[in-house]
Amino acid sequence: MAEVAGVEFHWMNDGENLYAALAAQTNGWVAVGFDPENQMQGANFIFGYVQDGTPVVQDMFGTKPKGRGSHPPDEQLGGTDDILEFAGSEEGDVTIIEFRIPLDSGDEFDKPLSAGTAHTVILARGRSDDSDSRHSAEGQAEITLD
């Protein structure tokens, strides 16, 4: 588990897929970005929130270092949505998002993840369900997949 900026990131993998959960004290979005190159640019992002009891989880890519519109959905860039499964809940002021993605989707807008390799992750949370709104807290951590 990694915890940065009030966001917990739990993960495990089975050699083909990454199973992950994000939890934060917020009624807004939570996100993880894998292997950024320059701030948010170049990172494969998974953004999630719960709106009216329904989880929304998006596969996005960092196209510029920061600012509004810096992480559009992969599909807008000509890529694919490679989230295989997702779930989410919001209880009180805690949002939990769970998802499964392939370790290597083959999509140019997803970073291949490999066991035994250190990966940089950006963890962030926002105050609203608008994934384009500015984060209220963010930070980076290093993780190594089993």
N, C-alpha and C. Protein backbone atom coordinates (compact mmCIF):
# COMPACT_ATOMS: atom_id res chain seq x y z
N MET A 1 0.84 -1.18 0.00
CA MET A 1 0.00 0.00 0.00
C MET A 1 0.89 1.25 0.00
N ALA A 2 0.46 2.25 -0.74
CA ALA A 2 1.11 3.56 -0.72
C ALA A 2 0.07 4.58 -0.27
N GLU A 3 0.49 5.56 0.50
CA GLU A 3 -0.41 6.62 0.92
C GLU A 3 0.29 7.96 0.76
N VAL A 4 -0.33 8.82 -0.03
CA VAL A 4 0.21 10.15 -0.29
C VAL A 4 -0.96 11.11 -0.40
N ALA A 5 -0.82 12.27 0.19
CA ALA A 5 -1.81 13.35 0.06
C ALA A 5 -3.21 12.91 0.49
N GLY A 6 -3.27 12.01 1.48
CA GLY A 6 -4.56 11.54 1.96
C GLY A 6 -5.24 10.54 1.05
N VAL A 7 -4.51 10.00 0.07
CA VAL A 7 -5.05 8.98 -0.83
C VAL A 7 -4.31 7.67 -0.58
N GLU A 8 -5.07 6.64 -0.28
CA GLU A 8 -4.50 5.30 -0.15
C GLU A 8 -4.61 4.58 -1.48
N PHE A 9 -3.53 3.90 -1.87
CA PHE A 9 -3.51 3.11 -3.09
C PHE A 9 -3.09 1.69 -2.73
N HIS A 10 -3.99 0.75 -2.95
CA HIS A 10 -3.74 -0.67 -2.69
C HIS A 10 -3.69 -1.38 -4.04
N TRP A 11 -2.80 -2.35 -4.18
CA TRP A 11 -2.72 -3.06 -5.46
C TRP A 11 -2.21 -4.48 -5.27
N MET A 12 -2.51 -5.30 -6.28
CA MET A 12 -1.94 -6.63 -6.44
C MET A 12 -2.04 -6.97 -7.91
N ASN A 13 -1.25 -7.93 -8.36
CA ASN A 13 -1.34 -8.34 -9.75
C ASN A 13 -1.22 -9.85 -9.85
N ASP A 14 -1.69 -10.37 -10.99
CA ASP A 14 -1.66 -11.82 -11.20
C ASP A 14 -0.80 -12.20 -12.41
N GLY A 15 0.05 -11.29 -12.86
CA GLY A 15 0.88 -11.55 -14.02
C GLY A 15 0.27 -11.03 -15.31
N GLU A 16 -1.04 -10.83 -15.33
CA GLU A 16 -1.72 -10.29 -16.51
C GLU A 16 -2.46 -9.00 -16.23
N ASN A 17 -3.00 -8.87 -15.01
CA ASN A 17 -3.83 -7.73 -14.65
C ASN A 17 -3.37 -7.09 -13.35
N LEU A 18 -3.64 -5.80 -13.24
CA LEU A 18 -3.45 -5.07 -11.99
C LEU A 18 -4.83 -4.88 -11.37
N TYR A 19 -4.96 -5.26 -10.12
CA TYR A 19 -6.18 -5.06 -9.33
C TYR A 19 -5.84 -3.96 -8.34
N ALA A 20 -6.62 -2.89 -8.31
CA ALA A 20 -6.24 -1.75 -7.48
C ALA A 20 -7.45 -1.11 -6.83
N ALA A 21 -7.18 -0.41 -5.73
CA ALA A 21 -8.21 0.35 -5.02
C ALA A 21 -7.62 1.68 -4.57
N LEU A 22 -8.42 2.72 -4.71
CA LEU A 22 -8.08 4.06 -4.24
C LEU A 22 -9.10 4.44 -3.17
N ALA A 23 -8.65 5.04 -2.09
CA ALA A 23 -9.56 5.50 -1.04
C ALA A 23 -9.07 6.84 -0.52
N ALA A 24 -10.01 7.77 -0.36
CA ALA A 24 -9.63 9.09 0.15
C ALA A 24 -10.82 9.74 0.83
N GLN A 25 -10.50 10.63 1.75
CA GLN A 25 -11.54 11.40 2.42
C GLN A 25 -11.93 12.55 1.50
N THR A 26 -12.95 12.29 0.68
CA THR A 26 -13.47 13.28 -0.26
C THR A 26 -14.82 12.80 -0.78
N ASN A 27 -15.64 13.72 -1.18
CA ASN A 27 -16.88 13.39 -1.90
C ASN A 27 -16.69 13.70 -3.38
N GLY A 28 -15.45 13.89 -3.79
CA GLY A 28 -15.11 14.16 -5.17
C GLY A 28 -14.35 13.00 -5.78
N TRP A 29 -13.49 13.31 -6.73
CA TRP A 29 -12.76 12.28 -7.46
C TRP A 29 -11.48 11.85 -6.74
N VAL A 30 -11.01 10.66 -7.09
CA VAL A 30 -9.70 10.15 -6.69
C VAL A 30 -9.01 9.64 -7.95
N ALA A 31 -7.69 9.68 -7.96
CA ALA A 31 -6.98 9.28 -9.17
C ALA A 31 -5.60 8.74 -8.87
N VAL A 32 -5.14 7.90 -9.79
CA VAL A 32 -3.76 7.43 -9.80
C VAL A 32 -3.23 7.63 -11.21
N GLY A 33 -2.00 8.11 -11.30
CA GLY A 33 -1.32 8.25 -12.58
C GLY A 33 -0.05 7.43 -12.54
N PHE A 34 0.17 6.62 -13.57
CA PHE A 34 1.33 5.73 -13.61
C PHE A 34 2.44 6.31 -14.48
N ASP A 35 3.64 6.35 -13.93
CA ASP A 35 4.87 6.70 -14.63
C ASP A 35 4.81 8.01 -15.42
N PRO A 36 4.58 9.14 -14.73
CA PRO A 36 4.59 10.43 -15.41
C PRO A 36 5.99 10.75 -15.92
N GLU A 37 6.04 11.59 -16.96
CA GLU A 37 7.33 12.00 -17.53
C GLU A 37 7.69 13.42 -17.11
N ASN A 38 6.68 14.30 -17.03
CA ASN A 38 6.90 15.70 -16.64
C ASN A 38 5.64 16.17 -15.92
N GLN A 39 5.66 16.15 -14.60
CA GLN A 39 4.48 16.41 -13.78
C GLN A 39 3.37 15.43 -14.18
N MET A 40 2.28 15.88 -14.82
CA MET A 40 1.21 14.95 -15.22
C MET A 40 1.40 14.42 -16.64
N GLN A 41 2.23 15.07 -17.41
CA GLN A 41 2.42 14.68 -18.81
C GLN A 41 3.01 13.28 -18.92
N GLY A 42 2.43 12.49 -19.82
CA GLY A 42 2.93 11.14 -20.08
C GLY A 42 2.41 10.07 -19.15
N ALA A 43 1.62 10.43 -18.14
CA ALA A 43 1.10 9.45 -17.18
C ALA A 43 -0.18 8.81 -17.70
N ASN A 44 -0.33 7.54 -17.40
CA ASN A 44 -1.59 6.83 -17.64
C ASN A 44 -2.42 7.00 -16.38
N PHE A 45 -3.56 7.70 -16.49
CA PHE A 45 -4.39 8.00 -15.33
C PHE A 45 -5.64 7.13 -15.29
N ILE A 46 -6.01 6.75 -14.07
CA ILE A 46 -7.32 6.17 -13.80
C ILE A 46 -7.99 7.13 -12.81
N PHE A 47 -9.07 7.78 -13.26
CA PHE A 47 -9.85 8.72 -12.45
C PHE A 47 -11.17 8.07 -12.09
N GLY A 48 -11.63 8.25 -10.85
CA GLY A 48 -12.92 7.72 -10.47
C GLY A 48 -13.62 8.58 -9.45
N TYR A 49 -14.95 8.51 -9.50
CA TYR A 49 -15.80 9.19 -8.54
C TYR A 49 -17.13 8.47 -8.50
N VAL A 50 -17.95 8.83 -7.52
CA VAL A 50 -19.28 8.24 -7.39
C VAL A 50 -20.28 9.37 -7.47
N GLN A 51 -21.19 9.28 -8.44
CA GLN A 51 -22.19 10.32 -8.66
C GLN A 51 -23.58 9.72 -8.52
N ASP A 52 -24.34 10.20 -7.56
CA ASP A 52 -25.69 9.69 -7.29
C ASP A 52 -25.68 8.17 -7.09
N GLY A 53 -24.66 7.67 -6.39
CA GLY A 53 -24.56 6.26 -6.07
C GLY A 53 -23.97 5.39 -7.17
N THR A 54 -23.64 5.98 -8.31
CA THR A 54 -23.11 5.22 -9.44
C THR A 54 -21.63 5.56 -9.65
N PRO A 55 -20.75 4.54 -9.65
CA PRO A 55 -19.34 4.82 -9.88
C PRO A 55 -19.06 5.15 -11.34
N VAL A 56 -18.17 6.10 -11.55
CA VAL A 56 -17.70 6.49 -12.87
C VAL A 56 -16.17 6.38 -12.82
N VAL A 57 -15.59 5.59 -13.72
CA VAL A 57 -14.15 5.40 -13.73
C VAL A 57 -13.67 5.59 -15.17
N GLN A 58 -12.62 6.39 -15.35
CA GLN A 58 -12.15 6.76 -16.68
C GLN A 58 -10.66 6.47 -16.86
N ASP A 59 -10.31 6.02 -18.06
CA ASP A 59 -8.93 5.78 -18.48
C ASP A 59 -8.48 7.02 -19.23
N MET A 60 -7.48 7.74 -18.68
CA MET A 60 -7.05 9.02 -19.24
C MET A 60 -5.55 9.05 -19.44
N PHE A 61 -5.07 10.07 -20.15
CA PHE A 61 -3.64 10.19 -20.42
C PHE A 61 -3.21 11.64 -20.27
N GLY A 62 -2.08 11.85 -19.61
CA GLY A 62 -1.55 13.20 -19.39
C GLY A 62 -0.89 13.75 -20.64
N THR A 63 -1.51 14.77 -21.24
CA THR A 63 -0.99 15.35 -22.48
C THR A 63 -0.13 16.59 -22.27
N LYS A 64 -0.18 17.17 -21.07
CA LYS A 64 0.66 18.32 -20.76
C LYS A 64 0.96 18.30 -19.26
N PRO A 65 1.96 19.07 -18.81
CA PRO A 65 2.38 18.98 -17.41
C PRO A 65 1.30 19.31 -16.39
N LYS A 66 0.46 20.29 -16.67
CA LYS A 66 -0.57 20.66 -15.70
C LYS A 66 -1.62 21.52 -16.38
N GLY A 67 -2.68 21.80 -15.65
CA GLY A 67 -3.71 22.70 -16.14
C GLY A 67 -4.95 21.99 -16.66
N ARG A 68 -5.96 22.77 -16.86
CA ARG A 68 -7.25 22.26 -17.33
C ARG A 68 -7.07 21.55 -18.67
N GLY A 69 -7.71 20.40 -18.81
CA GLY A 69 -7.63 19.64 -20.05
C GLY A 69 -6.34 18.87 -20.23
N SER A 70 -5.56 18.72 -19.16
CA SER A 70 -4.25 18.09 -19.28
C SER A 70 -4.30 16.56 -19.27
N HIS A 71 -5.47 15.97 -19.06
CA HIS A 71 -5.57 14.51 -19.04
C HIS A 71 -6.90 14.05 -19.64
N PRO A 72 -7.03 14.13 -20.96
CA PRO A 72 -8.27 13.69 -21.61
C PRO A 72 -8.39 12.16 -21.61
N PRO A 73 -9.60 11.65 -21.80
CA PRO A 73 -9.78 10.20 -21.93
C PRO A 73 -8.98 9.66 -23.12
N ASP A 74 -8.44 8.46 -22.96
CA ASP A 74 -7.67 7.82 -24.03
C ASP A 74 -8.44 7.81 -25.35
N GLU A 75 -9.73 7.56 -25.28
CA GLU A 75 -10.55 7.46 -26.50
C GLU A 75 -10.57 8.77 -27.29
N GLN A 76 -10.48 9.91 -26.62
CA GLN A 76 -10.44 11.20 -27.33
C GLN A 76 -9.14 11.38 -28.08
N LEU A 77 -8.11 10.63 -27.68
CA LEU A 77 -6.80 10.73 -28.31
C LEU A 77 -6.58 9.66 -29.38
N GLY A 78 -7.58 8.80 -29.59
CA GLY A 78 -7.45 7.71 -30.55
C GLY A 78 -7.06 6.40 -29.92
N GLY A 79 -6.99 6.37 -28.59
CA GLY A 79 -6.68 5.14 -27.86
C GLY A 79 -7.96 4.42 -27.45
N THR A 80 -7.82 3.51 -26.50
CA THR A 80 -8.96 2.71 -26.04
C THR A 80 -9.12 2.81 -24.53
N ASP A 81 -10.35 2.59 -24.08
CA ASP A 81 -10.64 2.51 -22.65
C ASP A 81 -10.30 1.09 -22.23
N ASP A 82 -9.25 0.93 -21.44
CA ASP A 82 -8.77 -0.40 -21.08
C ASP A 82 -9.06 -0.78 -19.64
N ILE A 83 -10.07 -0.17 -19.04
CA ILE A 83 -10.50 -0.57 -17.71
C ILE A 83 -11.40 -1.79 -17.88
N LEU A 84 -10.97 -2.92 -17.35
CA LEU A 84 -11.69 -4.18 -17.54
C LEU A 84 -12.87 -4.34 -16.59
N GLU A 85 -12.72 -3.83 -15.39
CA GLU A 85 -13.78 -3.88 -14.37
C GLU A 85 -13.58 -2.70 -13.44
N PHE A 86 -14.68 -2.23 -12.85
CA PHE A 86 -14.55 -1.20 -11.83
C PHE A 86 -15.77 -1.22 -10.91
N ALA A 87 -15.57 -0.64 -9.74
CA ALA A 87 -16.63 -0.49 -8.75
C ALA A 87 -16.28 0.73 -7.92
N GLY A 88 -17.25 1.22 -7.18
CA GLY A 88 -16.97 2.36 -6.32
C GLY A 88 -18.08 2.59 -5.33
N SER A 89 -17.73 3.25 -4.24
CA SER A 89 -18.72 3.59 -3.23
C SER A 89 -18.31 4.90 -2.57
N GLU A 90 -19.31 5.55 -2.02
CA GLU A 90 -19.09 6.79 -1.28
C GLU A 90 -19.92 6.69 -0.01
N GLU A 91 -19.23 6.65 1.11
CA GLU A 91 -19.92 6.57 2.40
C GLU A 91 -19.41 7.69 3.28
N GLY A 92 -20.34 8.52 3.73
CA GLY A 92 -19.93 9.69 4.50
C GLY A 92 -19.08 10.57 3.62
N ASP A 93 -17.86 10.83 4.06
CA ASP A 93 -16.97 11.66 3.24
C ASP A 93 -15.78 10.87 2.70
N VAL A 94 -15.97 9.56 2.49
CA VAL A 94 -14.90 8.71 1.96
C VAL A 94 -15.35 8.11 0.62
N THR A 95 -14.50 8.29 -0.39
CA THR A 95 -14.74 7.70 -1.70
C THR A 95 -13.75 6.57 -1.92
N ILE A 96 -14.27 5.42 -2.35
CA ILE A 96 -13.45 4.25 -2.67
C ILE A 96 -13.73 3.86 -4.12
N ILE A 97 -12.67 3.70 -4.89
CA ILE A 97 -12.76 3.26 -6.28
C ILE A 97 -11.87 2.04 -6.44
N GLU A 98 -12.42 0.98 -7.05
CA GLU A 98 -11.66 -0.23 -7.34
C GLU A 98 -11.68 -0.46 -8.84
N PHE A 99 -10.58 -1.01 -9.37
CA PHE A 99 -10.53 -1.25 -10.81
C PHE A 99 -9.55 -2.37 -11.15
N ARG A 100 -9.73 -2.90 -12.36
CA ARG A 100 -8.81 -3.90 -12.92
C ARG A 100 -8.42 -3.44 -14.31
N ILE A 101 -7.10 -3.39 -14.55
CA ILE A 101 -6.58 -3.03 -15.87
C ILE A 101 -5.52 -4.06 -16.26
N PRO A 102 -5.29 -4.24 -17.56
CA PRO A 102 -4.20 -5.14 -17.97
C PRO A 102 -2.85 -4.51 -17.63
N LEU A 103 -1.87 -5.35 -17.32
CA LEU A 103 -0.53 -4.83 -17.06
C LEU A 103 0.06 -4.20 -18.32
N ASP A 104 -0.29 -4.74 -19.48
CA ASP A 104 0.14 -4.17 -20.75
C ASP A 104 -1.01 -4.28 -21.74
N SER A 105 -1.72 -3.19 -21.93
CA SER A 105 -2.91 -3.18 -22.79
C SER A 105 -2.56 -3.10 -24.27
N GLY A 106 -1.35 -2.65 -24.58
CA GLY A 106 -0.98 -2.42 -25.97
C GLY A 106 -1.42 -1.05 -26.48
N ASP A 107 -2.19 -0.32 -25.69
CA ASP A 107 -2.63 1.03 -26.05
C ASP A 107 -1.46 1.99 -25.85
N GLU A 108 -1.18 2.82 -26.84
CA GLU A 108 -0.06 3.76 -26.73
C GLU A 108 -0.25 4.77 -25.60
N PHE A 109 -1.49 4.90 -25.09
CA PHE A 109 -1.77 5.86 -24.02
C PHE A 109 -1.84 5.19 -22.65
N ASP A 110 -1.41 3.94 -22.56
CA ASP A 110 -1.29 3.23 -21.28
C ASP A 110 0.16 2.84 -21.09
N LYS A 111 0.66 3.01 -19.89
CA LYS A 111 2.03 2.63 -19.58
C LYS A 111 2.06 1.14 -19.24
N PRO A 112 2.95 0.36 -19.88
CA PRO A 112 3.10 -1.04 -19.48
C PRO A 112 3.62 -1.11 -18.04
N LEU A 113 3.03 -1.99 -17.27
CA LEU A 113 3.45 -2.20 -15.89
C LEU A 113 4.05 -3.59 -15.79
N SER A 114 5.15 -3.72 -15.05
CA SER A 114 5.78 -5.04 -14.96
C SER A 114 6.20 -5.35 -13.53
N ALA A 115 6.10 -6.63 -13.20
CA ALA A 115 6.46 -7.11 -11.87
C ALA A 115 7.95 -6.91 -11.62
N GLY A 116 8.29 -6.58 -10.39
CA GLY A 116 9.67 -6.42 -10.00
C GLY A 116 10.29 -5.09 -10.42
N THR A 117 9.52 -4.24 -11.06
CA THR A 117 10.00 -2.95 -11.53
C THR A 117 9.37 -1.84 -10.70
N ALA A 118 10.17 -0.86 -10.33
CA ALA A 118 9.64 0.30 -9.60
C ALA A 118 8.88 1.19 -10.57
N HIS A 119 7.72 1.64 -10.17
CA HIS A 119 6.90 2.56 -10.95
C HIS A 119 6.57 3.77 -10.09
N THR A 120 6.62 4.95 -10.68
CA THR A 120 6.20 6.17 -10.01
C THR A 120 4.70 6.31 -10.19
N VAL A 121 4.00 6.62 -9.11
CA VAL A 121 2.56 6.88 -9.20
C VAL A 121 2.28 8.27 -8.63
N ILE A 122 1.34 8.95 -9.29
CA ILE A 122 0.79 10.20 -8.78
C ILE A 122 -0.54 9.84 -8.12
N LEU A 123 -0.75 10.24 -6.90
CA LEU A 123 -2.02 10.04 -6.22
C LEU A 123 -2.63 11.41 -5.95
N ALA A 124 -3.92 11.53 -6.23
CA ALA A 124 -4.56 12.83 -6.07
C ALA A 124 -6.03 12.66 -5.74
N ARG A 125 -6.61 13.73 -5.19
CA ARG A 125 -8.05 13.75 -4.90
C ARG A 125 -8.57 15.15 -5.17
N GLY A 126 -9.85 15.22 -5.51
CA GLY A 126 -10.48 16.49 -5.78
C GLY A 126 -11.73 16.66 -4.94
N ARG A 127 -12.24 17.87 -4.89
CA ARG A 127 -13.41 18.17 -4.05
C ARG A 127 -14.73 17.92 -4.77
N SER A 128 -14.70 17.78 -6.10
CA SER A 128 -15.94 17.60 -6.85
C SER A 128 -15.85 16.36 -7.74
N ASP A 129 -16.94 16.05 -8.42
CA ASP A 129 -16.96 14.91 -9.33
C ASP A 129 -16.49 15.28 -10.73
N ASP A 130 -16.02 16.49 -10.92
CA ASP A 130 -15.51 16.95 -12.21
C ASP A 130 -14.03 16.58 -12.30
N SER A 131 -13.70 15.57 -13.11
CA SER A 131 -12.30 15.11 -13.19
C SER A 131 -11.38 16.14 -13.82
N ASP A 132 -11.92 17.21 -14.36
CA ASP A 132 -11.10 18.28 -14.92
C ASP A 132 -10.88 19.40 -13.90
N SER A 133 -11.48 19.26 -12.70
CA SER A 133 -11.28 20.28 -11.67
C SER A 133 -9.94 20.07 -10.98
N ARG A 134 -9.40 21.13 -10.45
CA ARG A 134 -8.09 21.08 -9.79
C ARG A 134 -8.14 20.17 -8.55
N HIS A 135 -7.05 19.47 -8.34
CA HIS A 135 -6.96 18.59 -7.16
C HIS A 135 -6.89 19.42 -5.88
N SER A 136 -7.36 18.81 -4.80
CA SER A 136 -7.24 19.46 -3.50
C SER A 136 -5.97 18.97 -2.78
N ALA A 137 -5.44 17.84 -3.22
CA ALA A 137 -4.19 17.30 -2.68
C ALA A 137 -3.61 16.33 -3.69
N GLU A 138 -2.28 16.30 -3.80
CA GLU A 138 -1.62 15.37 -4.71
C GLU A 138 -0.20 15.12 -4.25
N GLY A 139 0.36 14.01 -4.67
CA GLY A 139 1.73 13.68 -4.35
C GLY A 139 2.18 12.46 -5.13
N GLN A 140 3.46 12.12 -5.02
CA GLN A 140 4.01 10.99 -5.74
C GLN A 140 4.57 9.95 -4.79
N ALA A 141 4.58 8.70 -5.25
CA ALA A 141 5.14 7.60 -4.50
C ALA A 141 5.78 6.62 -5.49
N GLU A 142 6.62 5.76 -4.99
CA GLU A 142 7.19 4.67 -5.79
C GLU A 142 6.55 3.36 -5.33
N ILE A 143 6.13 2.56 -6.29
CA ILE A 143 5.60 1.23 -5.95
C ILE A 143 6.34 0.19 -6.77
N THR A 144 6.37 -1.03 -6.28
CA THR A 144 6.92 -2.15 -7.02
C THR A 144 5.87 -3.25 -7.04
N LEU A 145 5.52 -3.72 -8.23
CA LEU A 145 4.56 -4.80 -8.36
C LEU A 145 5.22 -6.11 -7.99
N ASP A 146 4.45 -7.02 -7.41
CA ASP A 146 4.98 -8.34 -7.04
C ASP A 146 5.31 -9.16 -8.27
